[in-house]
Amino acid sequence: MQLLEITGLQVSFIKDREIIHVIDSVNLTLEAHESCALVGESGCGKTVLGMAVMRLLPSNAQIEGSIRYRETNLLELNSHDMLQILGKEIGMIPQNSAMVLNPVMTIGRQITESLVLHEGISSKTADEKAIYLLKRMDIPDPHYALSQYPHEFSGGMRERILIAIVLACEPTLIIADEPTAGLDILVRKQTIELLMEHSRDKTFLLITHDLGTAHELCSRIVVMYAGEIVESGNTREVLSMPMHPYTQGLLTSHPSAGLHPIPGMSPNPGSFPEGCRFYTRCSSVQDLCTKEHPSLKETGKMRKVRCLRYD
């Protein structure tokens, strides 16, 4: 059963009277209880996609297409109706816990706010559930932690507190945006284990540039480049037999593969080249690649690729 269906999503930003296109005609579906990773370099549009689902883009954003959650187009909801879904049905673990958590509000209040709002329970009951959640996140002395502030915790603990906040109302869909960025190896491992444990019965969308984290957490992977999807499929198959030159480049640029970076730079949003958007960096480029923009084609069960070599 499809839980989330994104169709023809286009996102642009208006800046100084200029329209900057960031996401171009993206189609993406998530089945109930599926775990999917959205990967790509910084600036490819993956975080913007996640924020579009949450309806958290700034006022200068223009959105076209549809984002259907349980058959409801989220882009057509008013602010009040959308607020009933956020936190309760869809939760997001955003980037950078130090910037996201309110520095002047206790951890306890930040966890219990959504419980009181969505579940209508008493403050005492909300505190009890917050303590339970902090225990699950392995936060020391959870009773005392309720009265503490974000700056009193390490980066890894703040990340776990964010996970507790998102899990508070037990949302069906969890979007995690770079949840392990900036964490050391041990804390990263602990965070991945927590996410694996608590997302088993959820629909999970992981936004990351870390292929290792994608491999550990998700059964399906979607690769984005310059505002569009260039490859998708079973995670193990895509990472062991990548078809698109960009996916191949991501793998060879990993330290375990010898750290061979992809030459050149990604095109700036709003100035995508004609033809294939990767051709200026591709070692297999042909003359046709500079003129014809490839479509996303099915190449087998669950596999799709955007490359003229597979026409």
C-alpha atoms as a PDB file:
ATOM      1  CA  MET A   1       0.000   0.000   0.000  1.00  0.00           C
ATOM      2  CA  GLN A   2       1.375   3.408  -0.991  1.00  0.00           C
ATOM      3  CA  LEU A   3       1.708   5.718   1.994  1.00  0.00           C
ATOM      4  CA  LEU A   4       3.410   8.653   0.263  1.00  0.00           C
ATOM      5  CA  GLU A   5       3.206   9.516  -3.434  1.00  0.00           C
ATOM      6  CA  ILE A   6       5.146  12.461  -4.846  1.00  0.00           C
ATOM      7  CA  THR A   7       4.197  13.269  -8.437  1.00  0.00           C
ATOM      8  CA  GLY A   8       5.754  15.844 -10.768  1.00  0.00           C
ATOM      9  CA  LEU A   9       7.279  17.790  -7.874  1.00  0.00           C
ATOM     10  CA  GLN A  10       8.940  21.031  -8.925  1.00  0.00           C
ATOM     11  CA  VAL A  11      10.382  23.476  -6.422  1.00  0.00           C
ATOM     12  CA  SER A  12      11.743  26.911  -7.291  1.00  0.00           C
ATOM     13  CA  PHE A  13      12.828  29.889  -5.219  1.00  0.00           C
ATOM     14  CA  ILE A  14      12.345  33.538  -6.108  1.00  0.00           C
ATOM     15  CA  LYS A  15      15.426  35.603  -5.258  1.00  0.00           C
ATOM     16  CA  ASP A  16      15.988  39.169  -6.448  1.00  0.00           C
ATOM     17  CA  ARG A  17      13.202  38.692  -9.025  1.00  0.00           C
ATOM     18  CA  GLU A  18      15.000  35.642 -10.408  1.00  0.00           C
ATOM     19  CA  ILE A  19      13.427  32.168 -10.406  1.00  0.00           C
ATOM     20  CA  ILE A  20      15.892  29.499  -9.302  1.00  0.00           C
ATOM     21  CA  HIS A  21      14.799  25.933 -10.091  1.00  0.00           C
ATOM     22  CA  VAL A  22      15.951  23.450  -7.453  1.00  0.00           C
ATOM     23  CA  ILE A  23      13.810  20.328  -7.963  1.00  0.00           C
ATOM     24  CA  ASP A  24      12.622  19.293 -11.406  1.00  0.00           C
ATOM     25  CA  SER A  25       9.710  16.875 -11.985  1.00  0.00           C
ATOM     26  CA  VAL A  26      10.522  14.369  -9.246  1.00  0.00           C
ATOM     27  CA  ASN A  27       8.306  11.292  -8.859  1.00  0.00           C
ATOM     28  CA  LEU A  28       8.759   9.181  -5.733  1.00  0.00           C
ATOM     29  CA  THR A  29       6.529   6.716  -3.883  1.00  0.00           C
ATOM     30  CA  LEU A  30       6.956   5.110  -0.474  1.00  0.00           C
ATOM     31  CA  GLU A  31       5.120   1.944   0.480  1.00  0.00           C
ATOM     32  CA  ALA A  32       3.909   1.396   4.032  1.00  0.00           C
ATOM     33  CA  HIS A  33       6.753   0.085   6.251  1.00  0.00           C
ATOM     34  CA  GLU A  34       9.339   0.725   3.531  1.00  0.00           C
ATOM     35  CA  SER A  35      12.778   2.173   4.255  1.00  0.00           C
ATOM     36  CA  CYS A  36      14.176   4.363   1.474  1.00  0.00           C
ATOM     37  CA  ALA A  37      17.366   6.424   1.263  1.00  0.00           C
ATOM     38  CA  LEU A  38      17.591   9.624  -0.774  1.00  0.00           C
ATOM     39  CA  VAL A  39      21.274  10.252  -1.498  1.00  0.00           C
ATOM     40  CA  GLY A  40      23.371  12.780  -3.373  1.00  0.00           C
ATOM     41  CA  GLU A  41      25.848  15.614  -2.945  1.00  0.00           C
ATOM     42  CA  SER A  42      25.007  18.802  -1.074  1.00  0.00           C
ATOM     43  CA  GLY A  43      22.827  21.065  -3.212  1.00  0.00           C
ATOM     44  CA  CYS A  44      21.178  18.282  -5.238  1.00  0.00           C
ATOM     45  CA  GLY A  45      17.740  19.047  -3.758  1.00  0.00           C
ATOM     46  CA  LYS A  46      17.247  16.157  -1.355  1.00  0.00           C
ATOM     47  CA  THR A  47      16.751  18.303   1.775  1.00  0.00           C
ATOM     48  CA  VAL A  48      14.408  20.637  -0.139  1.00  0.00           C
ATOM     49  CA  LEU A  49      12.326  17.588  -1.070  1.00  0.00           C
ATOM     50  CA  GLY A  50      12.042  16.568   2.575  1.00  0.00           C
ATOM     51  CA  MET A  51      11.089  20.087   3.631  1.00  0.00           C
ATOM     52  CA  ALA A  52       8.499  20.214   0.831  1.00  0.00           C
ATOM     53  CA  VAL A  53       6.811  17.095   2.232  1.00  0.00           C
ATOM     54  CA  MET A  54       6.700  18.771   5.652  1.00  0.00           C
ATOM     55  CA  ARG A  55       5.461  22.048   4.135  1.00  0.00           C
ATOM     56  CA  LEU A  56       8.344  23.850   5.857  1.00  0.00           C
ATOM     57  CA  LEU A  57       9.864  25.669   2.876  1.00  0.00           C
ATOM     58  CA  PRO A  58      10.261  29.474   3.136  1.00  0.00           C
ATOM     59  CA  SER A  59       7.681  31.859   1.735  1.00  0.00           C
ATOM     60  CA  ASN A  60       9.706  32.544  -1.432  1.00  0.00           C
ATOM     61  CA  ALA A  61       9.374  28.912  -2.520  1.00  0.00           C
ATOM     62  CA  GLN A  62       7.121  27.965  -5.428  1.00  0.00           C
ATOM     63  CA  ILE A  63       5.869  24.365  -5.448  1.00  0.00           C
ATOM     64  CA  GLU A  64       4.140  22.505  -8.270  1.00  0.00           C
ATOM     65  CA  GLY A  65       2.965  18.910  -8.503  1.00  0.00           C
ATOM     66  CA  SER A  66       1.401  16.861  -5.727  1.00  0.00           C
ATOM     67  CA  ILE A  67       2.501  15.235  -2.468  1.00  0.00           C
ATOM     68  CA  ARG A  68      -0.117  12.714  -1.407  1.00  0.00           C
ATOM     69  CA  TYR A  69      -0.059  11.187   2.061  1.00  0.00           C
ATOM     70  CA  ARG A  70      -2.770   8.527   2.477  1.00  0.00           C
ATOM     71  CA  GLU A  71      -4.464   9.966  -0.645  1.00  0.00           C
ATOM     72  CA  THR A  72      -4.509  13.513   0.797  1.00  0.00           C
ATOM     73  CA  ASN A  73      -2.591  16.118  -1.192  1.00  0.00           C
ATOM     74  CA  LEU A  74      -0.534  17.876   1.489  1.00  0.00           C
ATOM     75  CA  LEU A  75       0.024  20.871  -0.789  1.00  0.00           C
ATOM     76  CA  GLU A  76      -3.717  21.615  -0.738  1.00  0.00           C
ATOM     77  CA  LEU A  77      -4.125  21.605   3.050  1.00  0.00           C
ATOM     78  CA  ASN A  78      -4.477  24.811   5.032  1.00  0.00           C
ATOM     79  CA  SER A  79      -2.047  25.518   7.877  1.00  0.00           C
ATOM     80  CA  HIS A  80      -4.399  24.212  10.584  1.00  0.00           C
ATOM     81  CA  ASP A  81      -5.026  20.864   8.877  1.00  0.00           C
ATOM     82  CA  MET A  82      -1.332  20.446   8.079  1.00  0.00           C
ATOM     83  CA  LEU A  83      -0.463  21.046  11.731  1.00  0.00           C
ATOM     84  CA  GLN A  84      -2.679  18.089  12.680  1.00  0.00           C
ATOM     85  CA  ILE A  85      -0.513  15.833  10.500  1.00  0.00           C
ATOM     86  CA  LEU A  86       2.936  17.146  11.453  1.00  0.00           C
ATOM     87  CA  GLY A  87       4.332  15.296  14.427  1.00  0.00           C
ATOM     88  CA  LYS A  88       1.348  12.966  14.726  1.00  0.00           C
ATOM     89  CA  GLU A  89       1.387  11.351  11.270  1.00  0.00           C
ATOM     90  CA  ILE A  90       4.674  12.589   9.794  1.00  0.00           C
ATOM     91  CA  GLY A  91       7.761  13.325  11.872  1.00  0.00           C
ATOM     92  CA  MET A  92      11.084  14.786  10.790  1.00  0.00           C
ATOM     93  CA  ILE A  93      14.529  14.480  12.338  1.00  0.00           C
ATOM     94  CA  PRO A  94      16.189  17.618  10.909  1.00  0.00           C
ATOM     95  CA  GLN A  95      19.855  18.430  10.437  1.00  0.00           C
ATOM     96  CA  ASN A  96      21.989  19.976  13.175  1.00  0.00           C
ATOM     97  CA  SER A  97      20.461  19.330  16.596  1.00  0.00           C
ATOM     98  CA  ALA A  98      22.292  22.339  18.069  1.00  0.00           C
ATOM     99  CA  MET A  99      20.396  24.666  15.716  1.00  0.00           C
ATOM    100  CA  VAL A 100      17.029  22.895  15.874  1.00  0.00           C
ATOM    101  CA  LEU A 101      16.504  22.427  19.599  1.00  0.00           C
ATOM    102  CA  ASN A 102      15.244  25.543  21.377  1.00  0.00           C
ATOM    103  CA  PRO A 103      18.141  26.738  23.595  1.00  0.00           C
ATOM    104  CA  VAL A 104      15.853  28.448  26.155  1.00  0.00           C
ATOM    105  CA  MET A 105      13.340  25.611  26.540  1.00  0.00           C
ATOM    106  CA  THR A 106      13.908  22.516  28.661  1.00  0.00           C
ATOM    107  CA  ILE A 107      14.233  19.146  26.985  1.00  0.00           C
ATOM    108  CA  GLY A 108      11.159  17.929  28.816  1.00  0.00           C
ATOM    109  CA  ARG A 109       8.973  20.710  27.472  1.00  0.00           C
ATOM    110  CA  GLN A 110      10.257  20.189  23.925  1.00  0.00           C
ATOM    111  CA  ILE A 111       9.272  16.516  24.073  1.00  0.00           C
ATOM    112  CA  THR A 112       5.894  16.982  25.773  1.00  0.00           C
ATOM    113  CA  GLU A 113       4.639  19.885  23.605  1.00  0.00           C
ATOM    114  CA  SER A 114       3.492  17.647  20.760  1.00  0.00           C
ATOM    115  CA  LEU A 115       2.048  15.074  23.173  1.00  0.00           C
ATOM    116  CA  VAL A 116      -0.185  17.660  24.814  1.00  0.00           C
ATOM    117  CA  LEU A 117      -1.125  19.162  21.424  1.00  0.00           C
ATOM    118  CA  HIS A 118      -1.914  15.962  19.521  1.00  0.00           C
ATOM    119  CA  GLU A 119      -2.959  13.501  22.221  1.00  0.00           C
ATOM    120  CA  GLY A 120      -4.635  15.872  24.666  1.00  0.00           C
ATOM    121  CA  ILE A 121      -3.029  14.194  27.678  1.00  0.00           C
ATOM    122  CA  SER A 122      -2.172  15.846  30.987  1.00  0.00           C
ATOM    123  CA  SER A 123       1.227  17.364  31.683  1.00  0.00           C
ATOM    124  CA  LYS A 124       1.963  14.616  34.218  1.00  0.00           C
ATOM    125  CA  THR A 125       1.187  11.831  31.733  1.00  0.00           C
ATOM    126  CA  ALA A 126       3.224  13.625  29.050  1.00  0.00           C
ATOM    127  CA  ASP A 127       6.194  13.855  31.440  1.00  0.00           C
ATOM    128  CA  GLU A 128       5.932  10.128  32.155  1.00  0.00           C
ATOM    129  CA  LYS A 129       6.014   9.324  28.443  1.00  0.00           C
ATOM    130  CA  ALA A 130       8.944  11.731  27.934  1.00  0.00           C
ATOM    131  CA  ILE A 131      10.896   9.909  30.649  1.00  0.00           C
ATOM    132  CA  TYR A 132      10.087   6.592  28.971  1.00  0.00           C
ATOM    133  CA  LEU A 133      11.296   7.914  25.601  1.00  0.00           C
ATOM    134  CA  LEU A 134      14.540   9.257  27.077  1.00  0.00           C
ATOM    135  CA  LYS A 135      15.171   5.858  28.683  1.00  0.00           C
ATOM    136  CA  ARG A 136      14.734   4.231  25.259  1.00  0.00           C
ATOM    137  CA  MET A 137      17.269   6.700  23.860  1.00  0.00           C
ATOM    138  CA  ASP A 138      19.775   5.767  26.615  1.00  0.00           C
ATOM    139  CA  ILE A 139      19.833   9.298  28.083  1.00  0.00           C
ATOM    140  CA  PRO A 140      21.328   9.107  31.603  1.00  0.00           C
ATOM    141  CA  ASP A 141      19.015  10.036  34.499  1.00  0.00           C
ATOM    142  CA  PRO A 142      15.969  10.807  32.320  1.00  0.00           C
ATOM    143  CA  HIS A 143      14.009  12.280  35.262  1.00  0.00           C
ATOM    144  CA  TYR A 144      16.637  14.966  35.713  1.00  0.00           C
ATOM    145  CA  ALA A 145      17.146  15.367  31.948  1.00  0.00           C
ATOM    146  CA  LEU A 146      13.596  16.740  31.633  1.00  0.00           C
ATOM    147  CA  SER A 147      14.700  19.915  33.421  1.00  0.00           C
ATOM    148  CA  GLN A 148      17.949  20.340  31.484  1.00  0.00           C
ATOM    149  CA  TYR A 149      18.637  22.509  28.446  1.00  0.00           C
ATOM    150  CA  PRO A 150      20.143  21.470  25.075  1.00  0.00           C
ATOM    151  CA  HIS A 151      23.583  22.993  25.759  1.00  0.00           C
ATOM    152  CA  GLU A 152      23.992  20.601  28.711  1.00  0.00           C
ATOM    153  CA  PHE A 153      24.129  17.579  26.391  1.00  0.00           C
ATOM    154  CA  SER A 154      26.707  16.290  23.921  1.00  0.00           C
ATOM    155  CA  GLY A 155      26.041  16.326  20.177  1.00  0.00           C
ATOM    156  CA  GLY A 156      25.227  12.619  20.182  1.00  0.00           C
ATOM    157  CA  MET A 157      22.785  12.980  23.076  1.00  0.00           C
ATOM    158  CA  ARG A 158      21.082  15.936  21.388  1.00  0.00           C
ATOM    159  CA  GLU A 159      20.594  13.794  18.289  1.00  0.00           C
ATOM    160  CA  ARG A 160      18.980  11.091  20.417  1.00  0.00           C
ATOM    161  CA  ILE A 161      16.757  13.698  22.071  1.00  0.00           C
ATOM    162  CA  LEU A 162      15.619  14.815  18.608  1.00  0.00           C
ATOM    163  CA  ILE A 163      14.728  11.209  17.815  1.00  0.00           C
ATOM    164  CA  ALA A 164      12.743  11.029  21.088  1.00  0.00           C
ATOM    165  CA  ILE A 165      10.832  14.205  20.144  1.00  0.00           C
ATOM    166  CA  VAL A 166       9.958  12.757  16.735  1.00  0.00           C
ATOM    167  CA  LEU A 167       8.893   9.391  18.187  1.00  0.00           C
ATOM    168  CA  ALA A 168       6.734  10.977  20.910  1.00  0.00           C
ATOM    169  CA  CYS A 169       3.453  10.816  18.966  1.00  0.00           C
ATOM    170  CA  GLU A 170       4.450   7.629  17.121  1.00  0.00           C
ATOM    171  CA  PRO A 171       4.221   8.991  13.542  1.00  0.00           C
ATOM    172  CA  THR A 172       3.707   6.569  10.673  1.00  0.00           C
ATOM    173  CA  LEU A 173       6.247   8.272   8.394  1.00  0.00           C
ATOM    174  CA  ILE A 174       9.659   9.390   9.653  1.00  0.00           C
ATOM    175  CA  ILE A 175      11.916  11.627   7.553  1.00  0.00           C
ATOM    176  CA  ALA A 176      15.502  11.750   8.831  1.00  0.00           C
ATOM    177  CA  ASP A 177      17.770  14.419   7.300  1.00  0.00           C
ATOM    178  CA  GLU A 178      21.473  13.616   7.775  1.00  0.00           C
ATOM    179  CA  PRO A 179      20.917  12.164  11.279  1.00  0.00           C
ATOM    180  CA  THR A 180      24.549  11.032  11.635  1.00  0.00           C
ATOM    181  CA  ALA A 181      26.289  14.101  10.158  1.00  0.00           C
ATOM    182  CA  GLY A 182      29.081  15.438  12.346  1.00  0.00           C
ATOM    183  CA  LEU A 183      29.001  12.522  14.788  1.00  0.00           C
ATOM    184  CA  ASP A 184      32.094  10.509  15.667  1.00  0.00           C
ATOM    185  CA  ILE A 185      32.277   6.819  14.709  1.00  0.00           C
ATOM    186  CA  LEU A 186      30.989   5.430  18.026  1.00  0.00           C
ATOM    187  CA  VAL A 187      28.080   7.897  18.346  1.00  0.00           C
ATOM    188  CA  ARG A 188      27.237   7.392  14.667  1.00  0.00           C
ATOM    189  CA  LYS A 189      27.005   3.630  15.251  1.00  0.00           C
ATOM    190  CA  GLN A 190      24.780   4.131  18.305  1.00  0.00           C
ATOM    191  CA  THR A 191      22.496   6.507  16.383  1.00  0.00           C
ATOM    192  CA  ILE A 192      22.162   4.079  13.473  1.00  0.00           C
ATOM    193  CA  GLU A 193      21.295   1.253  15.872  1.00  0.00           C
ATOM    194  CA  LEU A 194      18.611   3.399  17.520  1.00  0.00           C
ATOM    195  CA  LEU A 195      17.126   4.363  14.156  1.00  0.00           C
ATOM    196  CA  MET A 196      17.120   0.724  13.025  1.00  0.00           C
ATOM    197  CA  GLU A 197      15.380  -0.353  16.210  1.00  0.00           C
ATOM    198  CA  HIS A 198      12.713   2.341  16.252  1.00  0.00           C
ATOM    199  CA  SER A 199      11.909   2.539  12.522  1.00  0.00           C
ATOM    200  CA  ARG A 200      11.153  -1.149  11.957  1.00  0.00           C
ATOM    201  CA  ASP A 201       7.380  -0.671  12.013  1.00  0.00           C
ATOM    202  CA  LYS A 202       7.507   2.785  10.373  1.00  0.00           C
ATOM    203  CA  THR A 203       7.823   4.108   6.852  1.00  0.00           C
ATOM    204  CA  PHE A 204      11.292   5.635   6.805  1.00  0.00           C
ATOM    205  CA  LEU A 205      12.833   8.173   4.413  1.00  0.00           C
ATOM    206  CA  LEU A 206      16.526   8.807   5.047  1.00  0.00           C
ATOM    207  CA  ILE A 207      18.128  11.877   3.465  1.00  0.00           C
ATOM    208  CA  THR A 208      21.901  11.514   3.414  1.00  0.00           C
ATOM    209  CA  HIS A 209      25.140  11.807   1.469  1.00  0.00           C
ATOM    210  CA  ASP A 210      26.541   8.836   3.431  1.00  0.00           C
ATOM    211  CA  LEU A 211      26.203   5.669   1.352  1.00  0.00           C
ATOM    212  CA  GLY A 212      27.271   3.535   4.324  1.00  0.00           C
ATOM    213  CA  THR A 213      24.380   4.797   6.452  1.00  0.00           C
ATOM    214  CA  ALA A 214      21.997   4.289   3.516  1.00  0.00           C
ATOM    215  CA  HIS A 215      23.183   0.702   3.143  1.00  0.00           C
ATOM    216  CA  GLU A 216      22.719  -0.045   6.841  1.00  0.00           C
ATOM    217  CA  LEU A 217      19.275   1.521   7.243  1.00  0.00           C
ATOM    218  CA  CYS A 218      17.385   1.235   3.946  1.00  0.00           C
ATOM    219  CA  SER A 219      16.202  -1.472   1.563  1.00  0.00           C
ATOM    220  CA  ARG A 220      15.763   0.953  -1.373  1.00  0.00           C
ATOM    221  CA  ILE A 221      17.961   3.805  -2.551  1.00  0.00           C
ATOM    222  CA  VAL A 222      17.176   6.824  -4.737  1.00  0.00           C
ATOM    223  CA  VAL A 223      20.092   8.850  -6.117  1.00  0.00           C
ATOM    224  CA  MET A 224      19.589  12.555  -6.878  1.00  0.00           C
ATOM    225  CA  TYR A 225      21.766  14.860  -8.944  1.00  0.00           C
ATOM    226  CA  ALA A 226      21.095  18.480  -9.934  1.00  0.00           C
ATOM    227  CA  GLY A 227      17.458  18.471  -8.871  1.00  0.00           C
ATOM    228  CA  GLU A 228      16.352  15.162 -10.398  1.00  0.00           C
ATOM    229  CA  ILE A 229      16.480  11.423  -9.757  1.00  0.00           C
ATOM    230  CA  VAL A 230      19.218   9.701 -11.775  1.00  0.00           C
ATOM    231  CA  GLU A 231      19.028   6.159 -10.394  1.00  0.00           C
ATOM    232  CA  SER A 232      16.937   4.068  -8.029  1.00  0.00           C
ATOM    233  CA  GLY A 233      16.543   0.473  -6.972  1.00  0.00           C
ATOM    234  CA  ASN A 234      17.272  -2.117  -4.319  1.00  0.00           C
ATOM    235  CA  THR A 235      20.030  -0.692  -2.113  1.00  0.00           C
ATOM    236  CA  ARG A 236      22.272  -3.734  -2.284  1.00  0.00           C
ATOM    237  CA  GLU A 237      21.947  -3.983  -6.074  1.00  0.00           C
ATOM    238  CA  VAL A 238      22.523  -0.282  -6.734  1.00  0.00           C
ATOM    239  CA  LEU A 239      25.593  -0.112  -4.489  1.00  0.00           C
ATOM    240  CA  SER A 240      27.097  -3.334  -5.846  1.00  0.00           C
ATOM    241  CA  MET A 241      26.207  -2.725  -9.525  1.00  0.00           C
ATOM    242  CA  PRO A 242      25.648   1.019 -10.069  1.00  0.00           C
ATOM    243  CA  MET A 243      24.399   1.920 -13.549  1.00  0.00           C
ATOM    244  CA  HIS A 244      24.563   5.720 -13.667  1.00  0.00           C
ATOM    245  CA  PRO A 245      28.053   7.266 -13.959  1.00  0.00           C
ATOM    246  CA  TYR A 246      27.213   9.607 -11.070  1.00  0.00           C
ATOM    247  CA  THR A 247      26.369   6.717  -8.731  1.00  0.00           C
ATOM    248  CA  GLN A 248      29.581   5.018  -9.824  1.00  0.00           C
ATOM    249  CA  GLY A 249      31.468   8.212  -9.025  1.00  0.00           C
ATOM    250  CA  LEU A 250      29.912   8.459  -5.559  1.00  0.00           C
ATOM    251  CA  LEU A 251      31.115   4.949  -4.780  1.00  0.00           C
ATOM    252  CA  THR A 252      34.675   5.429  -6.074  1.00  0.00           C
ATOM    253  CA  SER A 253      34.970   8.703  -4.145  1.00  0.00           C
ATOM    254  CA  HIS A 254      34.383   6.883  -0.851  1.00  0.00           C
ATOM    255  CA  PRO A 255      37.538   6.407   1.307  1.00  0.00           C
ATOM    256  CA  SER A 256      37.064   2.619   1.248  1.00  0.00           C
ATOM    257  CA  ALA A 257      37.374   2.711  -2.565  1.00  0.00           C
ATOM    258  CA  GLY A 258      40.522   4.818  -2.624  1.00  0.00           C
ATOM    259  CA  LEU A 259      39.006   8.300  -2.322  1.00  0.00           C
ATOM    260  CA  HIS A 260      38.827   9.199  -6.022  1.00  0.00           C
ATOM    261  CA  PRO A 261      36.550  12.276  -6.151  1.00  0.00           C
ATOM    262  CA  ILE A 262      34.277  13.051  -9.070  1.00  0.00           C
ATOM    263  CA  PRO A 263      35.981  15.771 -11.169  1.00  0.00           C
ATOM    264  CA  GLY A 264      34.377  19.189 -11.448  1.00  0.00           C
ATOM    265  CA  MET A 265      31.458  20.643  -9.561  1.00  0.00           C
ATOM    266  CA  SER A 266      27.699  20.134  -9.578  1.00  0.00           C
ATOM    267  CA  PRO A 267      25.858  22.783 -11.618  1.00  0.00           C
ATOM    268  CA  ASN A 268      24.307  25.601  -9.633  1.00  0.00           C
ATOM    269  CA  PRO A 269      20.526  25.445  -9.209  1.00  0.00           C
ATOM    270  CA  GLY A 270      18.903  27.511 -11.910  1.00  0.00           C
ATOM    271  CA  SER A 271      21.756  27.003 -14.365  1.00  0.00           C
ATOM    272  CA  PHE A 272      21.424  23.345 -15.284  1.00  0.00           C
ATOM    273  CA  PRO A 273      23.085  22.500 -18.618  1.00  0.00           C
ATOM    274  CA  GLU A 274      21.195  21.310 -21.668  1.00  0.00           C
ATOM    275  CA  GLY A 275      21.352  17.606 -22.303  1.00  0.00           C
ATOM    276  CA  CYS A 276      22.438  15.342 -19.452  1.00  0.00           C
ATOM    277  CA  ARG A 277      23.107  17.381 -16.316  1.00  0.00           C
ATOM    278  CA  PHE A 278      26.102  15.209 -15.459  1.00  0.00           C
ATOM    279  CA  TYR A 279      27.870  15.304 -18.826  1.00  0.00           C
ATOM    280  CA  THR A 280      30.480  17.915 -17.799  1.00  0.00           C
ATOM    281  CA  ARG A 281      31.781  15.521 -15.125  1.00  0.00           C
ATOM    282  CA  CYS A 282      31.177  12.193 -16.851  1.00  0.00           C
ATOM    283  CA  SER A 283      34.083  10.039 -18.079  1.00  0.00           C
ATOM    284  CA  SER A 284      31.753   8.246 -20.534  1.00  0.00           C
ATOM    285  CA  VAL A 285      30.272  11.366 -22.136  1.00  0.00           C
ATOM    286  CA  GLN A 286      29.240  11.222 -25.803  1.00  0.00           C
ATOM    287  CA  ASP A 287      28.266  14.018 -28.155  1.00  0.00           C
ATOM    288  CA  LEU A 288      24.546  13.229 -27.796  1.00  0.00           C
ATOM    289  CA  CYS A 289      24.822  13.670 -24.004  1.00  0.00           C
ATOM    290  CA  THR A 290      25.451  17.402 -24.479  1.00  0.00           C
ATOM    291  CA  LYS A 291      22.232  17.874 -26.464  1.00  0.00           C
ATOM    292  CA  GLU A 292      19.574  15.413 -25.289  1.00  0.00           C
ATOM    293  CA  HIS A 293      18.199  15.292 -21.764  1.00  0.00           C
ATOM    294  CA  PRO A 294      17.726  11.633 -20.783  1.00  0.00           C
ATOM    295  CA  SER A 295      14.506  10.378 -19.209  1.00  0.00           C
ATOM    296  CA  LEU A 296      14.326   8.112 -16.166  1.00  0.00           C
ATOM    297  CA  LYS A 297      13.885   4.620 -17.599  1.00  0.00           C
ATOM    298  CA  GLU A 298      13.008   1.274 -16.060  1.00  0.00           C
ATOM    299  CA  THR A 299      15.823  -1.207 -16.614  1.00  0.00           C
ATOM    300  CA  GLY A 300      14.543  -4.127 -14.580  1.00  0.00           C
ATOM    301  CA  LYS A 301      12.582  -4.965 -11.456  1.00  0.00           C
ATOM    302  CA  MET A 302      12.732  -1.910  -9.178  1.00  0.00           C
ATOM    303  CA  ARG A 303      15.676  -0.471 -11.175  1.00  0.00           C
ATOM    304  CA  LYS A 304      15.527   2.920 -12.918  1.00  0.00           C
ATOM    305  CA  VAL A 305      18.313   4.969 -14.457  1.00  0.00           C
ATOM    306  CA  ARG A 306      18.577   8.315 -16.268  1.00  0.00           C
ATOM    307  CA  CYS A 307      21.326   7.767 -18.834  1.00  0.00           C
ATOM    308  CA  LEU A 308      21.389   7.695 -22.655  1.00  0.00           C
ATOM    309  CA  ARG A 309      23.560   4.572 -22.589  1.00  0.00           C
ATOM    310  CA  TYR A 310      20.470   2.564 -21.601  1.00  0.00           C
ATOM    311  CA  ASP A 311      18.173   3.825 -24.394  1.00  0.00           C
END
